Amino acid sequence: MDQTAMEAVIIEHVKQILPQQIEIELTTKLLETGIDSMSFIRLVVLLEEAFNIVIEDEEILLENFTSVETIRNLIRKCLDSKG
């Protein structure tokens, strides 16, 4: 999957968990959008299913979910380690 397609899938899933509809860009600070802890966990599950990956517990850090860019980097890392 190319980077643009990956980013589109991430944005789609982020919009699913937001409490209100707002425009999401690559650098939107997701922690300022009203995402709560339950939504955060839901996002992790959605991303794991969408990309057929496992995000390890030690990777579930706020710093890996601050924007679409940081999520994309985390997913790329998970995909690379998967082989």
Protein backbone atom coordinates (compact mmCIF):
# COMPACT_ATOMS: atom_id res chain seq x y z
CA MET A 1 0.00 0.00 0.00
CA ASP A 2 1.43 3.38 -0.93
CA GLN A 3 1.76 6.24 1.53
CA THR A 4 -1.22 8.25 0.24
CA ALA A 5 -3.56 5.26 0.43
CA MET A 6 -2.30 4.45 3.92
CA GLU A 7 -2.92 8.03 5.07
CA ALA A 8 -6.46 7.96 3.61
CA VAL A 9 -7.28 4.78 5.55
CA ILE A 10 -5.88 6.28 8.77
CA ILE A 11 -7.91 9.49 8.30
CA GLU A 12 -11.06 7.46 7.62
CA HIS A 13 -10.63 5.53 10.88
CA VAL A 14 -9.72 8.62 12.90
CA LYS A 15 -12.92 10.31 11.70
CA GLN A 16 -14.92 7.25 12.84
CA ILE A 17 -13.85 7.69 16.44
CA LEU A 18 -14.01 11.48 16.76
CA PRO A 19 -16.76 12.89 18.96
CA GLN A 20 -17.52 15.54 16.32
CA GLN A 21 -16.90 15.86 12.60
CA ILE A 22 -13.84 17.97 11.93
CA GLU A 23 -11.41 18.15 9.04
CA ILE A 24 -8.36 15.95 9.60
CA GLU A 25 -5.06 16.81 7.94
CA LEU A 26 -1.75 14.95 8.16
CA THR A 27 -0.52 17.24 10.92
CA THR A 28 -3.78 17.76 12.86
CA LYS A 29 -3.00 17.36 16.55
CA LEU A 30 -5.32 14.45 17.29
CA LEU A 31 -5.08 14.80 21.05
CA GLU A 32 -6.75 18.21 20.71
CA THR A 33 -9.79 16.83 18.87
CA GLY A 34 -11.57 15.41 21.90
CA ILE A 35 -10.48 11.77 21.56
CA ASP A 36 -10.93 10.00 24.89
CA SER A 37 -9.24 6.83 26.16
CA MET A 38 -11.98 4.50 24.90
CA SER A 39 -11.87 6.09 21.45
CA PHE A 40 -8.10 5.77 21.47
CA ILE A 41 -8.31 2.02 22.12
CA ARG A 42 -10.99 1.69 19.44
CA LEU A 43 -8.66 3.45 16.99
CA VAL A 44 -5.86 0.99 17.78
CA VAL A 45 -8.19 -1.96 17.10
CA LEU A 46 -9.50 -0.41 13.85
CA LEU A 47 -5.97 0.20 12.60
CA GLU A 48 -4.82 -3.31 13.50
CA GLU A 49 -7.74 -4.76 11.56
CA ALA A 50 -7.37 -2.41 8.58
CA PHE A 51 -3.66 -3.07 8.12
CA ASN A 52 -3.57 -6.66 9.42
CA ILE A 53 -0.94 -5.80 12.01
CA VAL A 54 -0.43 -6.05 15.76
CA ILE A 55 0.52 -2.86 17.52
CA GLU A 56 2.55 -4.06 20.47
CA ASP A 57 1.68 -2.75 23.93
CA GLU A 58 4.98 -0.87 24.19
CA GLU A 59 4.11 0.98 20.95
CA ILE A 60 0.73 2.18 22.25
CA LEU A 61 2.05 5.54 23.40
CA LEU A 62 0.46 8.94 22.92
CA GLU A 63 3.54 10.10 21.02
CA ASN A 64 2.80 7.49 18.31
CA PHE A 65 -0.76 8.82 17.91
CA THR A 66 -0.31 12.60 17.89
CA SER A 67 -1.13 12.99 14.17
CA VAL A 68 -1.87 11.02 11.04
CA GLU A 69 1.85 11.27 10.24
CA THR A 70 2.95 9.66 13.50
CA ILE A 71 0.33 6.93 13.12
CA ARG A 72 1.49 6.29 9.55
CA ASN A 73 5.08 5.96 10.78
CA LEU A 74 4.00 3.49 13.46
CA ILE A 75 2.02 1.41 10.98
CA ARG A 76 4.92 1.42 8.52
CA LYS A 77 7.18 0.18 11.34
CA CYS A 78 4.70 -2.59 12.22
CA LEU A 79 4.41 -3.62 8.57
CA ASP A 80 8.20 -3.64 8.14
CA SER A 81 8.73 -5.80 11.23
CA LYS A 82 6.03 -8.16 10.00
CA GLY A 83 8.08 -8.87 6.90
